[in-house]
Amino acid sequence: MYLLRLLVIWSTKMHLNTRSADSDELQCLNFPIISDHDCNNFYPGLITGSVFCAGYLEGGKGVCHGDSGGPVVCNGELQGIVSAGGRCAAKDQPGIFTKVCLFNSWITETINTYQN
């Protein structure tokens, strides 16, 4: 079963698999989550418990160069960070995203340490 998340990135290439210029405005896209098992077929050995894959396997929409570090938001909460992927919005090359929830303790500690 696929879940939809909201990806917020700068690239315009997430909409069309072209070499168009990046946007000055943030772009948003709802996209399907891909099972770890299926994603491991595309990226053998790279899919660990700290990441998840998402994107349109038919291509045409997805992350691109320059999107790394961008947020994945679901119900107003940060769920992931763009980490890696194949070519821009390419067929059978979904994006790989860090699972932010695994780092909540570290994030909270770091904020508390440096907020003043």
PDB file of N, CA and C in Angstrom:
ATOM      1  N   MET A   1       0.833  -1.179   0.000  1.00  0.00           N
ATOM      2  CA  MET A   1       0.000   0.000   0.000  1.00  0.00           C
ATOM      3  C   MET A   1       0.879   1.244   0.000  1.00  0.00           C
ATOM      4  N   TYR A   2       0.546   2.195  -0.812  1.00  0.00           N
ATOM      5  CA  TYR A   2       1.302   3.441  -0.897  1.00  0.00           C
ATOM      6  C   TYR A   2       0.665   4.506  -0.019  1.00  0.00           C
ATOM      7  N   LEU A   3       1.489   5.279   0.623  1.00  0.00           N
ATOM      8  CA  LEU A   3       1.042   6.429   1.395  1.00  0.00           C
ATOM      9  C   LEU A   3       1.510   7.675   0.672  1.00  0.00           C
ATOM     10  N   LEU A   4       0.741   8.723   0.743  1.00  0.00           N
ATOM     11  CA  LEU A   4       1.160   9.964   0.106  1.00  0.00           C
ATOM     12  C   LEU A   4       1.781  10.893   1.131  1.00  0.00           C
ATOM     13  N   ARG A   5       2.863  11.499   0.748  1.00  0.00           N
ATOM     14  CA  ARG A   5       3.539  12.490   1.578  1.00  0.00           C
ATOM     15  C   ARG A   5       3.706  13.741   0.734  1.00  0.00           C
ATOM     16  N   LEU A   6       4.039  14.818   1.354  1.00  0.00           N
ATOM     17  CA  LEU A   6       4.284  16.061   0.647  1.00  0.00           C
ATOM     18  C   LEU A   6       5.778  16.323   0.637  1.00  0.00           C
ATOM     19  N   LEU A   7       6.308  16.454  -0.539  1.00  0.00           N
ATOM     20  CA  LEU A   7       7.719  16.757  -0.708  1.00  0.00           C
ATOM     21  C   LEU A   7       7.826  18.216  -1.102  1.00  0.00           C
ATOM     22  N   VAL A   8       8.686  18.964  -0.444  1.00  0.00           N
ATOM     23  CA  VAL A   8       8.851  20.377  -0.742  1.00  0.00           C
ATOM     24  C   VAL A   8      10.293  20.586  -1.181  1.00  0.00           C
ATOM     25  N   ILE A   9      10.468  20.956  -2.458  1.00  0.00           N
ATOM     26  CA  ILE A   9      11.817  21.101  -3.007  1.00  0.00           C
ATOM     27  C   ILE A   9      11.891  22.316  -3.926  1.00  0.00           C
ATOM     28  N   TRP A  10      13.093  22.691  -4.294  1.00  0.00           N
ATOM     29  CA  TRP A  10      13.306  23.840  -5.174  1.00  0.00           C
ATOM     30  C   TRP A  10      13.224  23.474  -6.642  1.00  0.00           C
ATOM     31  N   SER A  11      13.582  22.283  -6.973  1.00  0.00           N
ATOM     32  CA  SER A  11      13.711  21.899  -8.372  1.00  0.00           C
ATOM     33  C   SER A  11      12.384  21.925  -9.112  1.00  0.00           C
ATOM     34  N   THR A  12      12.400  22.406 -10.352  1.00  0.00           N
ATOM     35  CA  THR A  12      11.211  22.301 -11.207  1.00  0.00           C
ATOM     36  C   THR A  12      11.223  20.966 -11.922  1.00  0.00           C
ATOM     37  N   LYS A  13      12.337  20.260 -11.859  1.00  0.00           N
ATOM     38  CA  LYS A  13      12.465  18.986 -12.564  1.00  0.00           C
ATOM     39  C   LYS A  13      11.615  17.894 -11.931  1.00  0.00           C
ATOM     40  N   MET A  14      11.096  18.147 -10.741  1.00  0.00           N
ATOM     41  CA  MET A  14      10.224  17.151 -10.130  1.00  0.00           C
ATOM     42  C   MET A  14       8.926  17.020 -10.903  1.00  0.00           C
ATOM     43  N   HIS A  15       8.571  18.055 -11.648  1.00  0.00           N
ATOM     44  CA  HIS A  15       7.319  18.034 -12.398  1.00  0.00           C
ATOM     45  C   HIS A  15       7.495  17.451 -13.791  1.00  0.00           C
ATOM     46  N   LEU A  16       8.571  17.779 -14.431  1.00  0.00           N
ATOM     47  CA  LEU A  16       8.826  17.297 -15.785  1.00  0.00           C
ATOM     48  C   LEU A  16      10.250  16.783 -15.859  1.00  0.00           C
ATOM     49  N   ASN A  17      10.436  15.667 -16.477  1.00  0.00           N
ATOM     50  CA  ASN A  17      11.773  15.100 -16.605  1.00  0.00           C
ATOM     51  C   ASN A  17      12.510  15.833 -17.719  1.00  0.00           C
ATOM     52  N   THR A  18      12.832  17.090 -17.454  1.00  0.00           N
ATOM     53  CA  THR A  18      13.508  17.938 -18.434  1.00  0.00           C
ATOM     54  C   THR A  18      14.694  18.598 -17.759  1.00  0.00           C
ATOM     55  N   ARG A  19      15.412  19.361 -18.504  1.00  0.00           N
ATOM     56  CA  ARG A  19      16.550  20.082 -17.954  1.00  0.00           C
ATOM     57  C   ARG A  19      16.195  21.555 -17.737  1.00  0.00           C
ATOM     58  N   SER A  20      14.991  21.818 -17.322  1.00  0.00           N
ATOM     59  CA  SER A  20      14.566  23.190 -17.072  1.00  0.00           C
ATOM     60  C   SER A  20      15.307  23.751 -15.863  1.00  0.00           C
ATOM     61  N   ALA A  21      15.318  25.053 -15.768  1.00  0.00           N
ATOM     62  CA  ALA A  21      16.009  25.715 -14.663  1.00  0.00           C
ATOM     63  C   ALA A  21      15.268  25.481 -13.359  1.00  0.00           C
ATOM     64  N   ASP A  22      16.021  25.531 -12.263  1.00  0.00           N
ATOM     65  CA  ASP A  22      15.392  25.413 -10.957  1.00  0.00           C
ATOM     66  C   ASP A  22      14.536  26.643 -10.696  1.00  0.00           C
ATOM     67  N   SER A  23      13.581  26.484  -9.802  1.00  0.00           N
ATOM     68  CA  SER A  23      12.627  27.536  -9.494  1.00  0.00           C
ATOM     69  C   SER A  23      13.137  28.414  -8.362  1.00  0.00           C
ATOM     70  N   ASP A  24      12.667  29.654  -8.336  1.00  0.00           N
ATOM     71  CA  ASP A  24      12.928  30.539  -7.207  1.00  0.00           C
ATOM     72  C   ASP A  24      11.881  30.332  -6.118  1.00  0.00           C
ATOM     73  N   GLU A  25      10.871  29.530  -6.411  1.00  0.00           N
ATOM     74  CA  GLU A  25       9.799  29.256  -5.460  1.00  0.00           C
ATOM     75  C   GLU A  25       9.794  27.772  -5.120  1.00  0.00           C
ATOM     76  N   LEU A  26       9.466  27.473  -3.863  1.00  0.00           N
ATOM     77  CA  LEU A  26       9.378  26.072  -3.459  1.00  0.00           C
ATOM     78  C   LEU A  26       8.295  25.353  -4.252  1.00  0.00           C
ATOM     79  N   GLN A  27       8.556  24.102  -4.591  1.00  0.00           N
ATOM     80  CA  GLN A  27       7.619  23.262  -5.327  1.00  0.00           C
ATOM     81  C   GLN A  27       7.120  22.171  -4.388  1.00  0.00           C
ATOM     82  N   CYS A  28       5.881  21.751  -4.545  1.00  0.00           N
ATOM     83  CA  CYS A  28       5.306  20.709  -3.696  1.00  0.00           C
ATOM     84  C   CYS A  28       4.796  19.560  -4.549  1.00  0.00           C
ATOM     85  N   LEU A  29       4.891  18.358  -4.017  1.00  0.00           N
ATOM     86  CA  LEU A  29       4.466  17.166  -4.739  1.00  0.00           C
ATOM     87  C   LEU A  29       4.024  16.101  -3.746  1.00  0.00           C
ATOM     88  N   ASN A  30       2.849  15.547  -3.952  1.00  0.00           N
ATOM     89  CA  ASN A  30       2.443  14.358  -3.199  1.00  0.00           C
ATOM     90  C   ASN A  30       2.948  13.154  -3.969  1.00  0.00           C
ATOM     91  N   PHE A  31       3.525  12.192  -3.282  1.00  0.00           N
ATOM     92  CA  PHE A  31       4.137  11.070  -3.981  1.00  0.00           C
ATOM     93  C   PHE A  31       3.991   9.785  -3.184  1.00  0.00           C
ATOM     94  N   PRO A  32       4.097   8.630  -3.859  1.00  0.00           N
ATOM     95  CA  PRO A  32       3.925   7.342  -3.181  1.00  0.00           C
ATOM     96  C   PRO A  32       5.189   6.876  -2.456  1.00  0.00           C
ATOM     97  N   ILE A  33       4.974   6.265  -1.305  1.00  0.00           N
ATOM     98  CA  ILE A  33       6.048   5.612  -0.565  1.00  0.00           C
ATOM     99  C   ILE A  33       6.230   4.218  -1.161  1.00  0.00           C
ATOM    100  N   ILE A  34       7.465   3.803  -1.335  1.00  0.00           N
ATOM    101  CA  ILE A  34       7.784   2.502  -1.928  1.00  0.00           C
ATOM    102  C   ILE A  34       8.322   1.596  -0.821  1.00  0.00           C
ATOM    103  N   SER A  35       7.902   0.353  -0.813  1.00  0.00           N
ATOM    104  CA  SER A  35       8.340  -0.572   0.241  1.00  0.00           C
ATOM    105  C   SER A  35       9.860  -0.729   0.220  1.00  0.00           C
ATOM    106  N   ASP A  36      10.432  -1.005   1.395  1.00  0.00           N
ATOM    107  CA  ASP A  36      11.876  -1.231   1.477  1.00  0.00           C
ATOM    108  C   ASP A  36      12.293  -2.382   0.572  1.00  0.00           C
ATOM    109  N   HIS A  37      11.496  -3.428   0.535  1.00  0.00           N
ATOM    110  CA  HIS A  37      11.802  -4.588  -0.306  1.00  0.00           C
ATOM    111  C   HIS A  37      11.900  -4.185  -1.779  1.00  0.00           C
ATOM    112  N   ASP A  38      10.899  -3.459  -2.264  1.00  0.00           N
ATOM    113  CA  ASP A  38      10.916  -3.026  -3.665  1.00  0.00           C
ATOM    114  C   ASP A  38      12.052  -2.056  -3.937  1.00  0.00           C
ATOM    115  N   CYS A  39      12.284  -1.137  -3.011  1.00  0.00           N
ATOM    116  CA  CYS A  39      13.337  -0.149  -3.220  1.00  0.00           C
ATOM    117  C   CYS A  39      14.717  -0.794  -3.234  1.00  0.00           C
ATOM    118  N   ASN A  40      14.900  -1.831  -2.431  1.00  0.00           N
ATOM    119  CA  ASN A  40      16.180  -2.529  -2.418  1.00  0.00           C
ATOM    120  C   ASN A  40      16.495  -3.154  -3.778  1.00  0.00           C
ATOM    121  N   ASN A  41      15.465  -3.458  -4.554  1.00  0.00           N
ATOM    122  CA  ASN A  41      15.692  -3.965  -5.913  1.00  0.00           C
ATOM    123  C   ASN A  41      16.317  -2.900  -6.806  1.00  0.00           C
ATOM    124  N   PHE A  42      16.006  -1.635  -6.553  1.00  0.00           N
ATOM    125  CA  PHE A  42      16.562  -0.540  -7.351  1.00  0.00           C
ATOM    126  C   PHE A  42      17.925  -0.104  -6.833  1.00  0.00           C
ATOM    127  N   TYR A  43      18.118  -0.188  -5.522  1.00  0.00           N
ATOM    128  CA  TYR A  43      19.363   0.258  -4.886  1.00  0.00           C
ATOM    129  C   TYR A  43      19.867  -0.822  -3.929  1.00  0.00           C
ATOM    130  N   PRO A  44      20.382  -1.941  -4.437  1.00  0.00           N
ATOM    131  CA  PRO A  44      20.814  -3.050  -3.578  1.00  0.00           C
ATOM    132  C   PRO A  44      21.834  -2.602  -2.522  1.00  0.00           C
ATOM    133  N   GLY A  45      21.546  -2.941  -1.271  1.00  0.00           N
ATOM    134  CA  GLY A  45      22.464  -2.654  -0.179  1.00  0.00           C
ATOM    135  C   GLY A  45      22.380  -1.252   0.394  1.00  0.00           C
ATOM    136  N   LEU A  46      21.644  -0.346  -0.232  1.00  0.00           N
ATOM    137  CA  LEU A  46      21.574   1.031   0.256  1.00  0.00           C
ATOM    138  C   LEU A  46      20.382   1.293   1.167  1.00  0.00           C
ATOM    139  N   ILE A  47      19.399   0.410   1.140  1.00  0.00           N
ATOM    140  CA  ILE A  47      18.176   0.653   1.890  1.00  0.00           C
ATOM    141  C   ILE A  47      18.298   0.025   3.275  1.00  0.00           C
ATOM    142  N   THR A  48      18.479   0.888   4.267  1.00  0.00           N
ATOM    143  CA  THR A  48      18.643   0.453   5.650  1.00  0.00           C
ATOM    144  C   THR A  48      17.428   0.896   6.455  1.00  0.00           C
ATOM    145  N   GLY A  49      17.428   0.615   7.722  1.00  0.00           N
ATOM    146  CA  GLY A  49      16.321   1.011   8.582  1.00  0.00           C
ATOM    147  C   GLY A  49      16.212   2.506   8.799  1.00  0.00           C
ATOM    148  N   SER A  50      17.220   3.269   8.400  1.00  0.00           N
ATOM    149  CA  SER A  50      17.198   4.712   8.643  1.00  0.00           C
ATOM    150  C   SER A  50      16.731   5.526   7.437  1.00  0.00           C
ATOM    151  N   VAL A  51      16.310   4.839   6.367  1.00  0.00           N
ATOM    152  CA  VAL A  51      15.852   5.549   5.170  1.00  0.00           C
ATOM    153  C   VAL A  51      14.556   4.940   4.643  1.00  0.00           C
ATOM    154  N   PHE A  52      13.883   5.688   3.775  1.00  0.00           N
ATOM    155  CA  PHE A  52      12.742   5.159   3.035  1.00  0.00           C
ATOM    156  C   PHE A  52      12.812   5.683   1.612  1.00  0.00           C
ATOM    157  N   CYS A  53      12.123   5.019   0.719  1.00  0.00           N
ATOM    158  CA  CYS A  53      12.096   5.412  -0.691  1.00  0.00           C
ATOM    159  C   CYS A  53      10.719   5.918  -1.066  1.00  0.00           C
ATOM    160  N   ALA A  54      10.695   6.840  -2.000  1.00  0.00           N
ATOM    161  CA  ALA A  54       9.431   7.368  -2.492  1.00  0.00           C
ATOM    162  C   ALA A  54       9.640   7.941  -3.883  1.00  0.00           C
ATOM    163  N   GLY A  55       8.585   7.917  -4.651  1.00  0.00           N
ATOM    164  CA  GLY A  55       8.628   8.501  -5.985  1.00  0.00           C
ATOM    165  C   GLY A  55       7.739   7.743  -6.940  1.00  0.00           C
ATOM    166  N   TYR A  56       7.641   8.262  -8.134  1.00  0.00           N
ATOM    167  CA  TYR A  56       6.844   7.640  -9.187  1.00  0.00           C
ATOM    168  C   TYR A  56       7.752   6.757 -10.026  1.00  0.00           C
ATOM    169  N   LEU A  57       7.525   5.447  -9.977  1.00  0.00           N
ATOM    170  CA  LEU A  57       8.392   4.508 -10.691  1.00  0.00           C
ATOM    171  C   LEU A  57       8.318   4.688 -12.198  1.00  0.00           C
ATOM    172  N   GLU A  58       7.242   5.273 -12.699  1.00  0.00           N
ATOM    173  CA  GLU A  58       7.139   5.523 -14.139  1.00  0.00           C
ATOM    174  C   GLU A  58       7.977   6.734 -14.559  1.00  0.00           C
ATOM    175  N   GLY A  59       8.522   7.470 -13.582  1.00  0.00           N
ATOM    176  CA  GLY A  59       9.358   8.624 -13.877  1.00  0.00           C
ATOM    177  C   GLY A  59       8.532   9.874 -14.135  1.00  0.00           C
ATOM    178  N   GLY A  60       9.225  10.959 -14.420  1.00  0.00           N
ATOM    179  CA  GLY A  60       8.569  12.214 -14.725  1.00  0.00           C
ATOM    180  C   GLY A  60       8.364  13.133 -13.539  1.00  0.00           C
ATOM    181  N   LYS A  61       8.344  12.581 -12.334  1.00  0.00           N
ATOM    182  CA  LYS A  61       8.197  13.363 -11.110  1.00  0.00           C
ATOM    183  C   LYS A  61       9.109  12.755 -10.064  1.00  0.00           C
ATOM    184  N   GLY A  62       9.835  13.593  -9.346  1.00  0.00           N
ATOM    185  CA  GLY A  62      10.717  13.098  -8.309  1.00  0.00           C
ATOM    186  C   GLY A  62      11.768  14.117  -7.945  1.00  0.00           C
ATOM    187  N   VAL A  63      12.694  13.719  -7.106  1.00  0.00           N
ATOM    188  CA  VAL A  63      13.747  14.628  -6.676  1.00  0.00           C
ATOM    189  C   VAL A  63      14.812  14.747  -7.754  1.00  0.00           C
ATOM    190  N   CYS A  64      15.595  15.822  -7.635  1.00  0.00           N
ATOM    191  CA  CYS A  64      16.631  16.099  -8.625  1.00  0.00           C
ATOM    192  C   CYS A  64      17.844  16.685  -7.905  1.00  0.00           C
ATOM    193  N   HIS A  65      18.899  16.920  -8.664  1.00  0.00           N
ATOM    194  CA  HIS A  65      20.113  17.526  -8.114  1.00  0.00           C
ATOM    195  C   HIS A  65      19.748  18.859  -7.462  1.00  0.00           C
ATOM    196  N   GLY A  66      20.297  19.123  -6.323  1.00  0.00           N
ATOM    197  CA  GLY A  66      20.004  20.359  -5.615  1.00  0.00           C
ATOM    198  C   GLY A  66      18.878  20.237  -4.605  1.00  0.00           C
ATOM    199  N   ASP A  67      18.164  19.113  -4.613  1.00  0.00           N
ATOM    200  CA  ASP A  67      17.066  18.920  -3.667  1.00  0.00           C
ATOM    201  C   ASP A  67      17.526  18.296  -2.355  1.00  0.00           C
ATOM    202  N   SER A  68      18.760  17.795  -2.308  1.00  0.00           N
ATOM    203  CA  SER A  68      19.267  17.142  -1.099  1.00  0.00           C
ATOM    204  C   SER A  68      19.125  18.067   0.099  1.00  0.00           C
ATOM    205  N   GLY A  69      18.678  17.499   1.206  1.00  0.00           N
ATOM    206  CA  GLY A  69      18.468  18.278   2.417  1.00  0.00           C
ATOM    207  C   GLY A  69      17.074  18.860   2.528  1.00  0.00           C
ATOM    208  N   GLY A  70      16.284  18.739   1.465  1.00  0.00           N
ATOM    209  CA  GLY A  70      14.921  19.265   1.475  1.00  0.00           C
ATOM    210  C   GLY A  70      13.996  18.413   2.324  1.00  0.00           C
ATOM    211  N   PRO A  71      12.898  19.000   2.806  1.00  0.00           N
ATOM    212  CA  PRO A  71      11.996  18.303   3.723  1.00  0.00           C
ATOM    213  C   PRO A  71      10.933  17.453   3.043  1.00  0.00           C
ATOM    214  N   VAL A  72      10.511  16.414   3.748  1.00  0.00           N
ATOM    215  CA  VAL A  72       9.317  15.639   3.416  1.00  0.00           C
ATOM    216  C   VAL A  72       8.374  15.821   4.602  1.00  0.00           C
ATOM    217  N   VAL A  73       7.202  16.367   4.346  1.00  0.00           N
ATOM    218  CA  VAL A  73       6.259  16.725   5.396  1.00  0.00           C
ATOM    219  C   VAL A  73       4.994  15.897   5.253  1.00  0.00           C
ATOM    220  N   CYS A  74       4.473  15.397   6.362  1.00  0.00           N
ATOM    221  CA  CYS A  74       3.203  14.673   6.376  1.00  0.00           C
ATOM    222  C   CYS A  74       2.385  15.186   7.551  1.00  0.00           C
ATOM    223  N   ASN A  75       1.174  15.623   7.284  1.00  0.00           N
ATOM    224  CA  ASN A  75       0.305  16.178   8.331  1.00  0.00           C
ATOM    225  C   ASN A  75       0.999  17.281   9.124  1.00  0.00           C
ATOM    226  N   GLY A  76       1.758  18.110   8.435  1.00  0.00           N
ATOM    227  CA  GLY A  76       2.415  19.239   9.074  1.00  0.00           C
ATOM    228  C   GLY A  76       3.659  18.909   9.866  1.00  0.00           C
ATOM    229  N   GLU A  77       4.116  17.664   9.829  1.00  0.00           N
ATOM    230  CA  GLU A  77       5.310  17.265  10.578  1.00  0.00           C
ATOM    231  C   GLU A  77       6.408  16.795   9.638  1.00  0.00           C
ATOM    232  N   LEU A  78       7.640  17.167   9.972  1.00  0.00           N
ATOM    233  CA  LEU A  78       8.790  16.725   9.198  1.00  0.00           C
ATOM    234  C   LEU A  78       8.971  15.224   9.376  1.00  0.00           C
ATOM    235  N   GLN A  79       8.944  14.483   8.284  1.00  0.00           N
ATOM    236  CA  GLN A  79       9.085  13.028   8.330  1.00  0.00           C
ATOM    237  C   GLN A  79      10.381  12.544   7.699  1.00  0.00           C
ATOM    238  N   GLY A  80      10.900  13.304   6.742  1.00  0.00           N
ATOM    239  CA  GLY A  80      12.089  12.856   6.039  1.00  0.00           C
ATOM    240  C   GLY A  80      12.886  14.011   5.476  1.00  0.00           C
ATOM    241  N   ILE A  81      14.097  13.671   5.040  1.00  0.00           N
ATOM    242  CA  ILE A  81      14.994  14.626   4.402  1.00  0.00           C
ATOM    243  C   ILE A  81      15.523  13.974   3.136  1.00  0.00           C
ATOM    244  N   VAL A  82      15.501  14.719   2.038  1.00  0.00           N
ATOM    245  CA  VAL A  82      16.012  14.192   0.770  1.00  0.00           C
ATOM    246  C   VAL A  82      17.482  13.831   0.947  1.00  0.00           C
ATOM    247  N   SER A  83      17.819  12.561   0.668  1.00  0.00           N
ATOM    248  CA  SER A  83      19.191  12.082   0.845  1.00  0.00           C
ATOM    249  C   SER A  83      19.881  11.741  -0.461  1.00  0.00           C
ATOM    250  N   ALA A  84      19.206  10.969  -1.311  1.00  0.00           N
ATOM    251  CA  ALA A  84      19.855  10.464  -2.524  1.00  0.00           C
ATOM    252  C   ALA A  84      18.800  10.021  -3.522  1.00  0.00           C
ATOM    253  N   GLY A  85      19.271   9.475  -4.604  1.00  0.00           N
ATOM    254  CA  GLY A  85      18.392   8.945  -5.645  1.00  0.00           C
ATOM    255  C   GLY A  85      19.183   8.746  -6.919  1.00  0.00           C
ATOM    256  N   GLY A  86      18.507   8.365  -7.944  1.00  0.00           N
ATOM    257  CA  GLY A  86      19.156   8.169  -9.233  1.00  0.00           C
ATOM    258  C   GLY A  86      19.147   9.459 -10.029  1.00  0.00           C
ATOM    259  N   ARG A  87      18.945   9.328 -11.322  1.00  0.00           N
ATOM    260  CA  ARG A  87      18.856  10.507 -12.175  1.00  0.00           C
ATOM    261  C   ARG A  87      17.560  11.264 -11.877  1.00  0.00           C
ATOM    262  N   CYS A  88      17.492  12.496 -12.268  1.00  0.00           N
ATOM    263  CA  CYS A  88      16.337  13.360 -12.000  1.00  0.00           C
ATOM    264  C   CYS A  88      15.035  12.748 -12.493  1.00  0.00           C
ATOM    265  N   ALA A  89      14.148  12.451 -11.562  1.00  0.00           N
ATOM    266  CA  ALA A  89      12.793  11.991 -11.882  1.00  0.00           C
ATOM    267  C   ALA A  89      12.786  10.887 -12.938  1.00  0.00           C
ATOM    268  N   ALA A  90      13.768   9.998 -12.865  1.00  0.00           N
ATOM    269  CA  ALA A  90      13.917   8.945 -13.878  1.00  0.00           C
ATOM    270  C   ALA A  90      13.094   7.710 -13.526  1.00  0.00           C
ATOM    271  N   LYS A  91      12.743   6.960 -14.545  1.00  0.00           N
ATOM    272  CA  LYS A  91      11.992   5.714 -14.381  1.00  0.00           C
ATOM    273  C   LYS A  91      12.780   4.741 -13.496  1.00  0.00           C
ATOM    274  N   ASP A  92      12.085   4.094 -12.571  1.00  0.00           N
ATOM    275  CA  ASP A  92      12.666   3.092 -11.672  1.00  0.00           C
ATOM    276  C   ASP A  92      13.830   3.619 -10.838  1.00  0.00           C
ATOM    277  N   GLN A  93      13.827   4.916 -10.540  1.00  0.00           N
ATOM    278  CA  GLN A  93      14.867   5.509  -9.699  1.00  0.00           C
ATOM    279  C   GLN A  93      14.228   6.445  -8.670  1.00  0.00           C
ATOM    280  N   PRO A  94      13.544   5.858  -7.686  1.00  0.00           N
ATOM    281  CA  PRO A  94      12.884   6.689  -6.668  1.00  0.00           C
ATOM    282  C   PRO A  94      13.901   7.416  -5.797  1.00  0.00           C
ATOM    283  N   GLY A  95      13.426   8.422  -5.083  1.00  0.00           N
ATOM    284  CA  GLY A  95      14.281   9.136  -4.151  1.00  0.00           C
ATOM    285  C   GLY A  95      14.487   8.338  -2.876  1.00  0.00           C
ATOM    286  N   ILE A  96      15.607   8.590  -2.209  1.00  0.00           N
ATOM    287  CA  ILE A  96      15.918   7.976  -0.920  1.00  0.00           C
ATOM    288  C   ILE A  96      15.919   9.098   0.110  1.00  0.00           C
ATOM    289  N   PHE A  97      15.217   8.871   1.221  1.00  0.00           N
ATOM    290  CA  PHE A  97      15.011   9.899   2.225  1.00  0.00           C
ATOM    291  C   PHE A  97      15.392   9.387   3.609  1.00  0.00           C
ATOM    292  N   THR A  98      16.037  10.233   4.411  1.00  0.00           N
ATOM    293  CA  THR A  98      16.362   9.892   5.795  1.00  0.00           C
ATOM    294  C   THR A  98      15.098   9.963   6.646  1.00  0.00           C
ATOM    295  N   LYS A  99      14.909   8.962   7.517  1.00  0.00           N
ATOM    296  CA  LYS A  99      13.775   8.955   8.459  1.00  0.00           C
ATOM    297  C   LYS A  99      14.123   9.852   9.646  1.00  0.00           C
ATOM    298  N   VAL A 100      13.543  11.015   9.684  1.00  0.00           N
ATOM    299  CA  VAL A 100      13.857  11.998  10.717  1.00  0.00           C
ATOM    300  C   VAL A 100      13.509  11.498  12.116  1.00  0.00           C
ATOM    301  N   CYS A 101      12.438  10.733  12.259  1.00  0.00           N
ATOM    302  CA  CYS A 101      11.995  10.288  13.592  1.00  0.00           C
ATOM    303  C   CYS A 101      13.080   9.529  14.348  1.00  0.00           C
ATOM    304  N   LEU A 102      13.994   8.907  13.632  1.00  0.00           N
ATOM    305  CA  LEU A 102      15.069   8.162  14.290  1.00  0.00           C
ATOM    306  C   LEU A 102      16.097   9.080  14.944  1.00  0.00           C
ATOM    307  N   PHE A 103      16.043  10.356  14.597  1.00  0.00           N
ATOM    308  CA  PHE A 103      17.031  11.307  15.092  1.00  0.00           C
ATOM    309  C   PHE A 103      16.412  12.379  15.985  1.00  0.00           C
ATOM    310  N   ASN A 104      15.160  12.169  16.413  1.00  0.00           N
ATOM    311  CA  ASN A 104      14.463  13.170  17.232  1.00  0.00           C
ATOM    312  C   ASN A 104      15.211  13.506  18.513  1.00  0.00           C
ATOM    313  N   SER A 105      15.738  12.511  19.210  1.00  0.00           N
ATOM    314  CA  SER A 105      16.461  12.769  20.465  1.00  0.00           C
ATOM    315  C   SER A 105      17.676  13.644  20.213  1.00  0.00           C
ATOM    316  N   TRP A 106      18.442  13.318  19.192  1.00  0.00           N
ATOM    317  CA  TRP A 106      19.628  14.100  18.860  1.00  0.00           C
ATOM    318  C   TRP A 106      19.244  15.522  18.458  1.00  0.00           C
ATOM    319  N   ILE A 107      18.191  15.666  17.663  1.00  0.00           N
ATOM    320  CA  ILE A 107      17.733  16.994  17.234  1.00  0.00           C
ATOM    321  C   ILE A 107      17.330  17.828  18.449  1.00  0.00           C
ATOM    322  N   THR A 108      16.555  17.239  19.348  1.00  0.00           N
ATOM    323  CA  THR A 108      16.110  17.950  20.550  1.00  0.00           C
ATOM    324  C   THR A 108      17.292  18.346  21.419  1.00  0.00           C
ATOM    325  N   GLU A 109      18.228  17.427  21.638  1.00  0.00           N
ATOM    326  CA  GLU A 109      19.439  17.725  22.424  1.00  0.00           C
ATOM    327  C   GLU A 109      20.221  18.871  21.812  1.00  0.00           C
ATOM    328  N   THR A 110      20.402  18.821  20.505  1.00  0.00           N
ATOM    329  CA  THR A 110      21.180  19.849  19.808  1.00  0.00           C
ATOM    330  C   THR A 110      20.499  21.209  19.907  1.00  0.00           C
ATOM    331  N   ILE A 111      19.198  21.245  19.718  1.00  0.00           N
ATOM    332  CA  ILE A 111      18.455  22.508  19.842  1.00  0.00           C
ATOM    333  C   ILE A 111      18.582  23.050  21.254  1.00  0.00           C
ATOM    334  N   ASN A 112      18.390  22.189  22.246  1.00  0.00           N
ATOM    335  CA  ASN A 112      18.476  22.629  23.642  1.00  0.00           C
ATOM    336  C   ASN A 112      19.869  23.126  23.995  1.00  0.00           C
ATOM    337  N   THR A 113      20.887  22.505  23.442  1.00  0.00           N
ATOM    338  CA  THR A 113      22.266  22.900  23.723  1.00  0.00           C
ATOM    339  C   THR A 113      22.607  24.255  23.120  1.00  0.00           C
ATOM    340  N   TYR A 114      22.135  24.517  21.921  1.00  0.00           N
ATOM    341  CA  TYR A 114      22.571  25.708  21.190  1.00  0.00           C
ATOM    342  C   TYR A 114      21.512  26.789  21.026  1.00  0.00           C
ATOM    343  N   GLN A 115      20.353  26.660  21.665  1.00  0.00           N
ATOM    344  CA  GLN A 115      19.293  27.644  21.446  1.00  0.00           C
ATOM    345  C   GLN A 115      19.586  29.006  22.053  1.00  0.00           C
ATOM    346  N   ASN A 116      20.451  29.057  23.029  1.00  0.00           N
ATOM    347  CA  ASN A 116      20.775  30.350  23.640  1.00  0.00           C
ATOM    348  C   ASN A 116      21.958  30.913  22.965  1.00  0.00           C
TER     349      ASN A 116
END
